[in-house]
Amino acid sequence: MPLLLNRRALLGSTLAIPSLASAQGSDWPNRPVRYINPYPPGGPTDTLSRIYCAKLSELTGQQFVVENRAGAGGNVGADVIAKATPDGYTLGLGGIASHAIAPTLYPTLPFDVVRDFTLVAGIWQLPNLLAVHPSIPASTVPELIAFLKANPGKYSFGSAGSGTTLHLAGEMFKHLAQVDMQHIPYRGSAPAQVDLMAGRVAMMFDNMPGTLALSREGKVKPIAVTSLGRSPVAPEIPAISETLPGFDVISWTCITGPAGLPAPMVARLAAFTKRAVESADLVQAYFNQGAVAWNINQAGINAYAHAQRERLAPLIRASGARVD
């Protein structure tokens, strides 16, 4: 009888191992994963997300299915991620909008950016580009600053919306260059680009891919990128920081999930993401889209997000940007 009991105990413990592993996440993923993109389909964020998800599908053998949940500047999708069951099968895109700008831009949020998420690893960084209408008699940052100082309040800059990185890049430019220009917010980059090409706004801060293409067609004039250094995508274009030291406003993203993801699962997701962003084909695919694959670990992305919140909050408040 003791032998029979021991065999049953052994059998029971053996059968329990897979379910325990699954609960802890050491066998993750063993079924398709839902990836929430908090932005509309068709834009740079969607394209870059699908490249990442395709690579993770390849590496893990499980499908990573992109689900677009746009609205409220990314907050609708972020809330879906925050309120998901922490089983690793609903993940999504985090970044500067939801995890650095939103806490100051919005008086209330349905989530807490620190308490309600697990930030796992970086995915990409996307510089912005300052471009002007061809009629503006400036081709460099110093020339543009001199022109604006000679014409205070006469010219405007467009952006994809109030409180976006593109708006904040303009506000930082105004502050550091000590120039007076009006902000014109649009509902997305496309209508702002149309008005820039038509000369209804003098200049625009925009994500690199779309405006870079317009500049290479001669429809707008590129002045500088908003990253701390030059972008490898267009190394011929100087950085604003070369004239205004410390200027740095870029879009950045990370893979995130709800709070409470098991540590083994987080470790596996971080390892797969590291392999993805270091893979030559993904790096090239991102380069083709104007983005840079971003290899930063969990400790690094959490520290970076905190530093970005602290750095951008005073700029947001000074700009008067607010979404009720």
C-alpha atoms as a PDB file:
ATOM      1  CA  MET A   1       0.000   0.000   0.000  1.00  0.00           C
ATOM      2  CA  PRO A   2       2.743   2.548   0.809  1.00  0.00           C
ATOM      3  CA  LEU A   3       4.315   1.734  -2.578  1.00  0.00           C
ATOM      4  CA  LEU A   4       0.961   2.350  -4.326  1.00  0.00           C
ATOM      5  CA  LEU A   5       0.538   5.652  -2.510  1.00  0.00           C
ATOM      6  CA  ASN A   6       4.055   6.710  -3.447  1.00  0.00           C
ATOM      7  CA  ARG A   7       3.378   5.900  -7.105  1.00  0.00           C
ATOM      8  CA  ARG A   8       0.128   7.875  -7.025  1.00  0.00           C
ATOM      9  CA  ALA A   9       1.901  10.785  -5.345  1.00  0.00           C
ATOM     10  CA  LEU A  10       4.651  10.667  -7.933  1.00  0.00           C
ATOM     11  CA  LEU A  11       2.138  10.509 -10.786  1.00  0.00           C
ATOM     12  CA  GLY A  12       0.197  13.415  -9.315  1.00  0.00           C
ATOM     13  CA  SER A  13       3.281  15.586  -8.967  1.00  0.00           C
ATOM     14  CA  THR A  14       4.383  14.741 -12.528  1.00  0.00           C
ATOM     15  CA  LEU A  15       1.002  15.707 -13.947  1.00  0.00           C
ATOM     16  CA  ALA A  16       1.126  18.958 -11.990  1.00  0.00           C
ATOM     17  CA  ILE A  17       4.415  20.110 -13.496  1.00  0.00           C
ATOM     18  CA  PRO A  18       3.055  21.370 -16.876  1.00  0.00           C
ATOM     19  CA  SER A  19       0.243  23.356 -15.292  1.00  0.00           C
ATOM     20  CA  LEU A  20       2.634  24.859 -12.734  1.00  0.00           C
ATOM     21  CA  ALA A  21       5.069  25.798 -15.499  1.00  0.00           C
ATOM     22  CA  SER A  22       2.245  27.339 -17.474  1.00  0.00           C
ATOM     23  CA  ALA A  23       1.055  29.343 -14.482  1.00  0.00           C
ATOM     24  CA  GLN A  24       4.549  30.663 -13.839  1.00  0.00           C
ATOM     25  CA  GLY A  25       5.195  31.395 -17.507  1.00  0.00           C
ATOM     26  CA  SER A  26       8.322  29.294 -18.006  1.00  0.00           C
ATOM     27  CA  ASP A  27       6.695  27.636 -21.040  1.00  0.00           C
ATOM     28  CA  TRP A  28       5.303  30.904 -22.436  1.00  0.00           C
ATOM     29  CA  PRO A  29       3.957  31.260 -25.085  1.00  0.00           C
ATOM     30  CA  ASN A  30       2.061  28.067 -25.773  1.00  0.00           C
ATOM     31  CA  ARG A  31      -0.827  29.697 -27.668  1.00  0.00           C
ATOM     32  CA  PRO A  32      -1.403  32.885 -29.735  1.00  0.00           C
ATOM     33  CA  VAL A  33      -0.657  36.243 -28.100  1.00  0.00           C
ATOM     34  CA  ARG A  34      -2.835  39.336 -28.460  1.00  0.00           C
ATOM     35  CA  TYR A  35      -0.774  42.496 -29.069  1.00  0.00           C
ATOM     36  CA  ILE A  36      -2.606  45.788 -28.468  1.00  0.00           C
ATOM     37  CA  ASN A  37      -1.488  48.696 -30.657  1.00  0.00           C
ATOM     38  CA  PRO A  38      -3.050  51.862 -29.154  1.00  0.00           C
ATOM     39  CA  TYR A  39      -2.948  53.655 -32.528  1.00  0.00           C
ATOM     40  CA  PRO A  40      -4.848  53.402 -35.836  1.00  0.00           C
ATOM     41  CA  PRO A  41      -3.868  50.959 -38.587  1.00  0.00           C
ATOM     42  CA  GLY A  42      -1.715  52.124 -41.464  1.00  0.00           C
ATOM     43  CA  GLY A  43       0.615  54.574 -39.702  1.00  0.00           C
ATOM     44  CA  PRO A  44       4.294  54.156 -38.753  1.00  0.00           C
ATOM     45  CA  THR A  45       3.416  52.737 -35.322  1.00  0.00           C
ATOM     46  CA  ASP A  46       1.225  50.079 -36.892  1.00  0.00           C
ATOM     47  CA  THR A  47       3.819  49.137 -39.508  1.00  0.00           C
ATOM     48  CA  LEU A  48       6.629  48.899 -36.952  1.00  0.00           C
ATOM     49  CA  SER A  49       4.430  46.901 -34.546  1.00  0.00           C
ATOM     50  CA  ARG A  50       3.605  44.370 -37.248  1.00  0.00           C
ATOM     51  CA  ILE A  51       7.289  43.945 -38.092  1.00  0.00           C
ATOM     52  CA  TYR A  52       8.029  43.253 -34.417  1.00  0.00           C
ATOM     53  CA  CYS A  53       5.096  40.860 -34.017  1.00  0.00           C
ATOM     54  CA  ALA A  54       6.039  38.945 -37.160  1.00  0.00           C
ATOM     55  CA  LYS A  55       9.549  38.491 -35.757  1.00  0.00           C
ATOM     56  CA  LEU A  56       8.256  37.287 -32.381  1.00  0.00           C
ATOM     57  CA  SER A  57       5.920  34.854 -34.152  1.00  0.00           C
ATOM     58  CA  GLU A  58       8.947  33.497 -35.992  1.00  0.00           C
ATOM     59  CA  LEU A  59      11.060  33.208 -32.827  1.00  0.00           C
ATOM     60  CA  THR A  60       8.404  31.690 -30.560  1.00  0.00           C
ATOM     61  CA  GLY A  61       6.413  29.573 -32.996  1.00  0.00           C
ATOM     62  CA  GLN A  62       3.198  31.240 -31.804  1.00  0.00           C
ATOM     63  CA  GLN A  63       1.205  33.969 -33.517  1.00  0.00           C
ATOM     64  CA  PHE A  64       1.388  37.531 -32.178  1.00  0.00           C
ATOM     65  CA  VAL A  65      -1.813  39.099 -33.440  1.00  0.00           C
ATOM     66  CA  VAL A  66      -1.970  42.897 -33.714  1.00  0.00           C
ATOM     67  CA  GLU A  67      -5.205  44.458 -32.504  1.00  0.00           C
ATOM     68  CA  ASN A  68      -5.598  48.216 -33.064  1.00  0.00           C
ATOM     69  CA  ARG A  69      -7.380  49.912 -30.170  1.00  0.00           C
ATOM     70  CA  ALA A  70      -6.954  53.599 -30.965  1.00  0.00           C
ATOM     71  CA  GLY A  71      -8.390  56.587 -29.138  1.00  0.00           C
ATOM     72  CA  ALA A  72      -7.599  59.355 -26.637  1.00  0.00           C
ATOM     73  CA  GLY A  73      -3.991  59.707 -27.747  1.00  0.00           C
ATOM     74  CA  GLY A  74      -3.225  56.050 -27.050  1.00  0.00           C
ATOM     75  CA  ASN A  75      -4.981  55.891 -23.684  1.00  0.00           C
ATOM     76  CA  VAL A  76      -7.790  53.601 -24.861  1.00  0.00           C
ATOM     77  CA  GLY A  77      -5.341  50.886 -25.893  1.00  0.00           C
ATOM     78  CA  ALA A  78      -3.146  51.456 -22.857  1.00  0.00           C
ATOM     79  CA  ASP A  79      -6.169  50.914 -20.618  1.00  0.00           C
ATOM     80  CA  VAL A  80      -6.906  47.599 -22.371  1.00  0.00           C
ATOM     81  CA  ILE A  81      -3.352  46.472 -21.596  1.00  0.00           C
ATOM     82  CA  ALA A  82      -3.514  47.673 -17.986  1.00  0.00           C
ATOM     83  CA  LYS A  83      -6.777  45.831 -17.293  1.00  0.00           C
ATOM     84  CA  ALA A  84      -5.839  42.568 -19.037  1.00  0.00           C
ATOM     85  CA  THR A  85      -5.386  39.326 -17.129  1.00  0.00           C
ATOM     86  CA  PRO A  86      -1.654  39.059 -16.304  1.00  0.00           C
ATOM     87  CA  ASP A  87      -1.202  35.747 -18.094  1.00  0.00           C
ATOM     88  CA  GLY A  88       1.061  37.010 -20.878  1.00  0.00           C
ATOM     89  CA  TYR A  89      -1.503  36.540 -23.635  1.00  0.00           C
ATOM     90  CA  THR A  90      -2.533  40.187 -23.824  1.00  0.00           C
ATOM     91  CA  LEU A  91       0.459  42.434 -24.277  1.00  0.00           C
ATOM     92  CA  GLY A  92       0.941  45.651 -26.182  1.00  0.00           C
ATOM     93  CA  LEU A  93       2.788  48.772 -27.089  1.00  0.00           C
ATOM     94  CA  GLY A  94       3.840  51.308 -24.496  1.00  0.00           C
ATOM     95  CA  GLY A  95       5.894  54.411 -25.031  1.00  0.00           C
ATOM     96  CA  ILE A  96       6.353  58.110 -24.628  1.00  0.00           C
ATOM     97  CA  ALA A  97       2.691  59.048 -25.184  1.00  0.00           C
ATOM     98  CA  SER A  98       1.149  56.787 -22.555  1.00  0.00           C
ATOM     99  CA  HIS A  99       4.046  56.409 -20.123  1.00  0.00           C
ATOM    100  CA  ALA A 100       5.683  59.843 -20.144  1.00  0.00           C
ATOM    101  CA  ILE A 101       3.311  62.484 -21.560  1.00  0.00           C
ATOM    102  CA  ALA A 102      -0.178  61.321 -20.528  1.00  0.00           C
ATOM    103  CA  PRO A 103       0.286  61.608 -16.733  1.00  0.00           C
ATOM    104  CA  THR A 104       0.811  65.366 -17.073  1.00  0.00           C
ATOM    105  CA  LEU A 105      -1.301  66.048 -20.162  1.00  0.00           C
ATOM    106  CA  TYR A 106      -4.500  64.444 -18.826  1.00  0.00           C
ATOM    107  CA  PRO A 107      -5.969  65.552 -15.469  1.00  0.00           C
ATOM    108  CA  THR A 108      -7.336  62.042 -14.921  1.00  0.00           C
ATOM    109  CA  LEU A 109      -6.436  58.672 -16.425  1.00  0.00           C
ATOM    110  CA  PRO A 110      -8.145  55.277 -16.112  1.00  0.00           C
ATOM    111  CA  PHE A 111      -4.796  53.729 -15.188  1.00  0.00           C
ATOM    112  CA  ASP A 112      -1.640  54.472 -13.227  1.00  0.00           C
ATOM    113  CA  VAL A 113       1.429  54.379 -15.461  1.00  0.00           C
ATOM    114  CA  VAL A 114       3.676  53.013 -12.705  1.00  0.00           C
ATOM    115  CA  ARG A 115       1.327  50.739 -10.749  1.00  0.00           C
ATOM    116  CA  ASP A 116      -0.709  49.141 -13.558  1.00  0.00           C
ATOM    117  CA  PHE A 117       1.915  48.054 -16.105  1.00  0.00           C
ATOM    118  CA  THR A 118       4.910  45.785 -16.521  1.00  0.00           C
ATOM    119  CA  LEU A 119       7.412  47.475 -18.815  1.00  0.00           C
ATOM    120  CA  VAL A 120       9.576  44.722 -20.268  1.00  0.00           C
ATOM    121  CA  ALA A 121      12.014  45.975 -22.930  1.00  0.00           C
ATOM    122  CA  GLY A 122      12.508  48.601 -25.614  1.00  0.00           C
ATOM    123  CA  ILE A 123      11.441  48.048 -29.219  1.00  0.00           C
ATOM    124  CA  TRP A 124      12.270  51.116 -31.317  1.00  0.00           C
ATOM    125  CA  GLN A 125      13.097  54.809 -31.289  1.00  0.00           C
ATOM    126  CA  LEU A 126      11.801  57.145 -33.970  1.00  0.00           C
ATOM    127  CA  PRO A 127      13.326  60.615 -34.380  1.00  0.00           C
ATOM    128  CA  ASN A 128      11.232  63.554 -35.468  1.00  0.00           C
ATOM    129  CA  LEU A 129      12.145  65.915 -38.268  1.00  0.00           C
ATOM    130  CA  LEU A 130      11.834  69.686 -38.367  1.00  0.00           C
ATOM    131  CA  ALA A 131      10.908  70.745 -41.896  1.00  0.00           C
ATOM    132  CA  VAL A 132       9.899  74.122 -43.326  1.00  0.00           C
ATOM    133  CA  HIS A 133       8.026  75.331 -46.383  1.00  0.00           C
ATOM    134  CA  PRO A 134      10.483  75.933 -49.273  1.00  0.00           C
ATOM    135  CA  SER A 135       9.673  79.658 -49.202  1.00  0.00           C
ATOM    136  CA  ILE A 136      11.189  80.098 -45.738  1.00  0.00           C
ATOM    137  CA  PRO A 137      14.627  81.687 -46.234  1.00  0.00           C
ATOM    138  CA  ALA A 138      16.464  79.328 -43.902  1.00  0.00           C
ATOM    139  CA  SER A 139      18.257  76.046 -44.481  1.00  0.00           C
ATOM    140  CA  THR A 140      19.912  75.560 -41.091  1.00  0.00           C
ATOM    141  CA  VAL A 141      18.854  75.829 -37.462  1.00  0.00           C
ATOM    142  CA  PRO A 142      20.864  79.055 -36.856  1.00  0.00           C
ATOM    143  CA  GLU A 143      19.331  80.627 -39.970  1.00  0.00           C
ATOM    144  CA  LEU A 144      15.841  79.591 -38.896  1.00  0.00           C
ATOM    145  CA  ILE A 145      16.323  80.995 -35.395  1.00  0.00           C
ATOM    146  CA  ALA A 146      17.584  84.289 -36.806  1.00  0.00           C
ATOM    147  CA  PHE A 147      14.627  84.467 -39.201  1.00  0.00           C
ATOM    148  CA  LEU A 148      12.076  83.798 -36.451  1.00  0.00           C
ATOM    149  CA  LYS A 149      13.680  86.328 -34.120  1.00  0.00           C
ATOM    150  CA  ALA A 150      13.434  88.916 -36.875  1.00  0.00           C
ATOM    151  CA  ASN A 151       9.730  88.086 -37.308  1.00  0.00           C
ATOM    152  CA  PRO A 152       8.351  87.423 -33.799  1.00  0.00           C
ATOM    153  CA  GLY A 153       4.877  85.885 -33.703  1.00  0.00           C
ATOM    154  CA  LYS A 154       4.426  85.979 -37.483  1.00  0.00           C
ATOM    155  CA  TYR A 155       4.975  82.306 -38.230  1.00  0.00           C
ATOM    156  CA  SER A 156       3.398  79.082 -37.020  1.00  0.00           C
ATOM    157  CA  PHE A 157       4.373  75.449 -36.707  1.00  0.00           C
ATOM    158  CA  GLY A 158       2.073  72.477 -37.192  1.00  0.00           C
ATOM    159  CA  SER A 159       1.960  69.191 -35.333  1.00  0.00           C
ATOM    160  CA  ALA A 160      -0.121  66.025 -35.234  1.00  0.00           C
ATOM    161  CA  GLY A 161      -1.934  67.243 -32.123  1.00  0.00           C
ATOM    162  CA  SER A 162      -1.693  69.037 -28.817  1.00  0.00           C
ATOM    163  CA  GLY A 163       0.535  67.254 -26.324  1.00  0.00           C
ATOM    164  CA  THR A 164       2.170  64.943 -28.874  1.00  0.00           C
ATOM    165  CA  THR A 165       5.949  64.603 -29.064  1.00  0.00           C
ATOM    166  CA  LEU A 166       5.723  66.727 -32.198  1.00  0.00           C
ATOM    167  CA  HIS A 167       4.026  69.571 -30.309  1.00  0.00           C
ATOM    168  CA  LEU A 168       6.483  69.256 -27.423  1.00  0.00           C
ATOM    169  CA  ALA A 169       9.424  69.361 -29.830  1.00  0.00           C
ATOM    170  CA  GLY A 170       8.139  72.712 -31.049  1.00  0.00           C
ATOM    171  CA  GLU A 171       7.675  73.988 -27.499  1.00  0.00           C
ATOM    172  CA  MET A 172      11.205  72.921 -26.560  1.00  0.00           C
ATOM    173  CA  PHE A 173      12.514  74.651 -29.688  1.00  0.00           C
ATOM    174  CA  LYS A 174      10.685  77.861 -28.738  1.00  0.00           C
ATOM    175  CA  HIS A 175      12.070  77.692 -25.205  1.00  0.00           C
ATOM    176  CA  LEU A 176      15.705  76.922 -26.018  1.00  0.00           C
ATOM    177  CA  ALA A 177      15.918  79.193 -29.074  1.00  0.00           C
ATOM    178  CA  GLN A 178      13.911  81.969 -27.398  1.00  0.00           C
ATOM    179  CA  VAL A 179      11.676  82.480 -30.446  1.00  0.00           C
ATOM    180  CA  ASP A 180       7.999  83.360 -30.706  1.00  0.00           C
ATOM    181  CA  MET A 181       5.875  81.184 -32.995  1.00  0.00           C
ATOM    182  CA  GLN A 182       2.322  79.894 -32.844  1.00  0.00           C
ATOM    183  CA  HIS A 183       1.377  76.219 -32.528  1.00  0.00           C
ATOM    184  CA  ILE A 184      -1.323  74.877 -34.878  1.00  0.00           C
ATOM    185  CA  PRO A 185      -2.517  71.408 -33.780  1.00  0.00           C
ATOM    186  CA  TYR A 186      -3.991  69.045 -36.379  1.00  0.00           C
ATOM    187  CA  ARG A 187      -5.806  65.744 -36.138  1.00  0.00           C
ATOM    188  CA  GLY A 188      -2.832  63.692 -37.225  1.00  0.00           C
ATOM    189  CA  SER A 189       0.228  64.303 -39.379  1.00  0.00           C
ATOM    190  CA  ALA A 190      -1.407  63.988 -42.809  1.00  0.00           C
ATOM    191  CA  PRO A 191      -3.472  67.212 -42.714  1.00  0.00           C
ATOM    192  CA  ALA A 192      -0.537  69.083 -41.175  1.00  0.00           C
ATOM    193  CA  GLN A 193       1.702  67.907 -44.014  1.00  0.00           C
ATOM    194  CA  VAL A 194      -0.861  69.141 -46.546  1.00  0.00           C
ATOM    195  CA  ASP A 195      -0.885  72.604 -44.980  1.00  0.00           C
ATOM    196  CA  LEU A 196       2.913  72.661 -44.747  1.00  0.00           C
ATOM    197  CA  MET A 197       3.257  71.906 -48.455  1.00  0.00           C
ATOM    198  CA  ALA A 198       0.641  74.577 -49.202  1.00  0.00           C
ATOM    199  CA  GLY A 199       2.451  77.133 -47.037  1.00  0.00           C
ATOM    200  CA  ARG A 200      -0.433  77.583 -44.602  1.00  0.00           C
ATOM    201  CA  VAL A 201       2.015  76.745 -41.805  1.00  0.00           C
ATOM    202  CA  ALA A 202       5.663  77.707 -42.055  1.00  0.00           C
ATOM    203  CA  MET A 203       7.158  74.646 -40.430  1.00  0.00           C
ATOM    204  CA  MET A 204       6.344  71.317 -38.856  1.00  0.00           C
ATOM    205  CA  PHE A 205       7.785  68.791 -36.444  1.00  0.00           C
ATOM    206  CA  ASP A 206       6.827  65.331 -37.693  1.00  0.00           C
ATOM    207  CA  ASN A 207       7.822  61.683 -37.376  1.00  0.00           C
ATOM    208  CA  MET A 208      10.757  60.993 -39.640  1.00  0.00           C
ATOM    209  CA  PRO A 209       9.333  58.663 -42.344  1.00  0.00           C
ATOM    210  CA  GLY A 210       6.575  60.752 -43.951  1.00  0.00           C
ATOM    211  CA  THR A 211       8.238  64.164 -43.895  1.00  0.00           C
ATOM    212  CA  LEU A 212      11.626  62.769 -44.914  1.00  0.00           C
ATOM    213  CA  ALA A 213       9.986  61.350 -48.047  1.00  0.00           C
ATOM    214  CA  LEU A 214       8.399  64.740 -48.793  1.00  0.00           C
ATOM    215  CA  SER A 215      11.742  66.470 -48.324  1.00  0.00           C
ATOM    216  CA  ARG A 216      13.453  64.111 -50.746  1.00  0.00           C
ATOM    217  CA  GLU A 217      10.747  64.975 -53.282  1.00  0.00           C
ATOM    218  CA  GLY A 218      11.498  68.673 -52.788  1.00  0.00           C
ATOM    219  CA  LYS A 219       8.044  69.432 -51.380  1.00  0.00           C
ATOM    220  CA  VAL A 220       9.383  70.597 -48.002  1.00  0.00           C
ATOM    221  CA  LYS A 221      12.821  71.644 -46.783  1.00  0.00           C
ATOM    222  CA  PRO A 222      14.446  69.513 -44.047  1.00  0.00           C
ATOM    223  CA  ILE A 223      16.199  71.517 -41.337  1.00  0.00           C
ATOM    224  CA  ALA A 224      17.176  69.155 -38.520  1.00  0.00           C
ATOM    225  CA  VAL A 225      16.244  66.046 -36.537  1.00  0.00           C
ATOM    226  CA  THR A 226      15.041  66.198 -32.940  1.00  0.00           C
ATOM    227  CA  SER A 227      17.173  63.343 -31.569  1.00  0.00           C
ATOM    228  CA  LEU A 228      20.230  64.062 -29.452  1.00  0.00           C
ATOM    229  CA  GLY A 229      22.474  62.972 -32.318  1.00  0.00           C
ATOM    230  CA  ARG A 230      22.043  62.583 -36.053  1.00  0.00           C
ATOM    231  CA  SER A 231      19.827  59.788 -37.276  1.00  0.00           C
ATOM    232  CA  PRO A 232      21.538  56.909 -39.101  1.00  0.00           C
ATOM    233  CA  VAL A 233      18.540  56.951 -41.444  1.00  0.00           C
ATOM    234  CA  ALA A 234      19.492  60.421 -42.736  1.00  0.00           C
ATOM    235  CA  PRO A 235      22.986  61.264 -41.424  1.00  0.00           C
ATOM    236  CA  GLU A 236      23.245  64.236 -43.759  1.00  0.00           C
ATOM    237  CA  ILE A 237      20.587  66.099 -41.737  1.00  0.00           C
ATOM    238  CA  PRO A 238      22.012  67.760 -38.609  1.00  0.00           C
ATOM    239  CA  ALA A 239      20.517  67.456 -35.139  1.00  0.00           C
ATOM    240  CA  ILE A 240      18.938  70.495 -33.490  1.00  0.00           C
ATOM    241  CA  SER A 241      21.183  69.727 -30.508  1.00  0.00           C
ATOM    242  CA  GLU A 242      24.199  70.759 -32.577  1.00  0.00           C
ATOM    243  CA  THR A 243      22.899  74.319 -32.248  1.00  0.00           C
ATOM    244  CA  LEU A 244      20.770  73.998 -29.106  1.00  0.00           C
ATOM    245  CA  PRO A 245      22.679  71.658 -26.740  1.00  0.00           C
ATOM    246  CA  GLY A 246      20.518  69.120 -24.942  1.00  0.00           C
ATOM    247  CA  PHE A 247      17.633  69.251 -27.401  1.00  0.00           C
ATOM    248  CA  ASP A 248      16.136  65.754 -27.494  1.00  0.00           C
ATOM    249  CA  VAL A 249      12.478  64.889 -28.169  1.00  0.00           C
ATOM    250  CA  ILE A 250      11.898  61.561 -29.888  1.00  0.00           C
ATOM    251  CA  SER A 251       9.225  58.891 -30.040  1.00  0.00           C
ATOM    252  CA  TRP A 252      10.192  55.713 -28.183  1.00  0.00           C
ATOM    253  CA  THR A 253       8.335  52.483 -27.532  1.00  0.00           C
ATOM    254  CA  CYS A 254       8.487  49.371 -25.404  1.00  0.00           C
ATOM    255  CA  ILE A 255       6.704  46.058 -25.048  1.00  0.00           C
ATOM    256  CA  THR A 256       4.478  46.095 -22.005  1.00  0.00           C
ATOM    257  CA  GLY A 257       1.809  44.110 -20.238  1.00  0.00           C
ATOM    258  CA  PRO A 258      -0.409  44.447 -17.187  1.00  0.00           C
ATOM    259  CA  ALA A 259       1.078  44.538 -13.706  1.00  0.00           C
ATOM    260  CA  GLY A 260       1.690  41.154 -12.122  1.00  0.00           C
ATOM    261  CA  LEU A 261       3.199  39.250 -15.048  1.00  0.00           C
ATOM    262  CA  PRO A 262       5.123  36.270 -13.624  1.00  0.00           C
ATOM    263  CA  ALA A 263       8.881  36.792 -13.566  1.00  0.00           C
ATOM    264  CA  PRO A 264       9.723  33.733 -15.749  1.00  0.00           C
ATOM    265  CA  MET A 265       7.292  35.012 -18.389  1.00  0.00           C
ATOM    266  CA  VAL A 266       8.793  38.494 -18.299  1.00  0.00           C
ATOM    267  CA  ALA A 267      12.273  36.999 -18.646  1.00  0.00           C
ATOM    268  CA  ARG A 268      11.235  34.980 -21.699  1.00  0.00           C
ATOM    269  CA  LEU A 269       9.484  37.950 -23.332  1.00  0.00           C
ATOM    270  CA  ALA A 270      12.540  40.135 -22.694  1.00  0.00           C
ATOM    271  CA  ALA A 271      14.843  37.483 -24.164  1.00  0.00           C
ATOM    272  CA  PHE A 272      12.694  37.066 -27.291  1.00  0.00           C
ATOM    273  CA  THR A 273      12.485  40.847 -27.701  1.00  0.00           C
ATOM    274  CA  LYS A 274      16.258  41.195 -27.373  1.00  0.00           C
ATOM    275  CA  ARG A 275      16.737  38.595 -30.084  1.00  0.00           C
ATOM    276  CA  ALA A 276      14.187  40.379 -32.256  1.00  0.00           C
ATOM    277  CA  VAL A 277      15.677  43.866 -32.017  1.00  0.00           C
ATOM    278  CA  GLU A 278      19.187  42.504 -32.566  1.00  0.00           C
ATOM    279  CA  SER A 279      18.195  40.529 -35.681  1.00  0.00           C
ATOM    280  CA  ALA A 280      19.592  41.910 -38.932  1.00  0.00           C
ATOM    281  CA  ASP A 281      16.322  41.645 -40.845  1.00  0.00           C
ATOM    282  CA  LEU A 282      14.300  43.563 -38.236  1.00  0.00           C
ATOM    283  CA  VAL A 283      17.022  46.211 -37.901  1.00  0.00           C
ATOM    284  CA  GLN A 284      16.951  46.717 -41.671  1.00  0.00           C
ATOM    285  CA  ALA A 285      13.152  46.734 -41.817  1.00  0.00           C
ATOM    286  CA  TYR A 286      13.050  49.404 -39.110  1.00  0.00           C
ATOM    287  CA  PHE A 287      15.765  51.396 -40.858  1.00  0.00           C
ATOM    288  CA  ASN A 288      13.645  51.353 -44.021  1.00  0.00           C
ATOM    289  CA  GLN A 289      10.818  52.922 -41.985  1.00  0.00           C
ATOM    290  CA  GLY A 290      13.040  55.625 -40.482  1.00  0.00           C
ATOM    291  CA  ALA A 291      13.218  53.941 -37.068  1.00  0.00           C
ATOM    292  CA  VAL A 292      16.070  52.532 -35.001  1.00  0.00           C
ATOM    293  CA  ALA A 293      15.727  49.179 -33.225  1.00  0.00           C
ATOM    294  CA  TRP A 294      16.139  49.822 -29.507  1.00  0.00           C
ATOM    295  CA  ASN A 295      17.767  47.205 -27.286  1.00  0.00           C
ATOM    296  CA  ILE A 296      17.151  48.233 -23.675  1.00  0.00           C
ATOM    297  CA  ASN A 297      16.347  45.835 -20.823  1.00  0.00           C
ATOM    298  CA  GLN A 298      13.620  45.973 -18.177  1.00  0.00           C
ATOM    299  CA  ALA A 299      15.580  47.982 -15.625  1.00  0.00           C
ATOM    300  CA  GLY A 300      16.713  50.352 -18.346  1.00  0.00           C
ATOM    301  CA  ILE A 301      13.263  50.997 -19.810  1.00  0.00           C
ATOM    302  CA  ASN A 302      11.715  51.623 -16.395  1.00  0.00           C
ATOM    303  CA  ALA A 303      14.450  54.112 -15.506  1.00  0.00           C
ATOM    304  CA  TYR A 304      14.171  55.763 -18.907  1.00  0.00           C
ATOM    305  CA  ALA A 305      10.384  56.123 -18.677  1.00  0.00           C
ATOM    306  CA  HIS A 306      10.703  57.696 -15.216  1.00  0.00           C
ATOM    307  CA  ALA A 307      13.354  60.140 -16.433  1.00  0.00           C
ATOM    308  CA  GLN A 308      11.199  61.073 -19.423  1.00  0.00           C
ATOM    309  CA  ARG A 309       8.185  61.811 -17.203  1.00  0.00           C
ATOM    310  CA  GLU A 310      10.293  64.033 -14.981  1.00  0.00           C
ATOM    311  CA  ARG A 311      11.871  65.819 -17.934  1.00  0.00           C
ATOM    312  CA  LEU A 312       8.737  66.408 -19.981  1.00  0.00           C
ATOM    313  CA  ALA A 313       6.288  67.378 -17.223  1.00  0.00           C
ATOM    314  CA  PRO A 314       7.561  70.978 -16.838  1.00  0.00           C
ATOM    315  CA  LEU A 315       7.594  71.422 -20.620  1.00  0.00           C
ATOM    316  CA  ILE A 316       4.006  70.178 -20.924  1.00  0.00           C
ATOM    317  CA  ARG A 317       2.832  72.483 -18.148  1.00  0.00           C
ATOM    318  CA  ALA A 318       4.664  75.479 -19.639  1.00  0.00           C
ATOM    319  CA  SER A 319       3.156  74.797 -23.078  1.00  0.00           C
ATOM    320  CA  GLY A 320      -0.385  75.021 -21.714  1.00  0.00           C
ATOM    321  CA  ALA A 321      -1.237  71.708 -23.398  1.00  0.00           C
ATOM    322  CA  ARG A 322      -4.062  69.932 -21.600  1.00  0.00           C
ATOM    323  CA  VAL A 323      -6.702  67.395 -22.629  1.00  0.00           C
ATOM    324  CA  ASP A 324      -9.840  67.356 -20.461  1.00  0.00           C
END
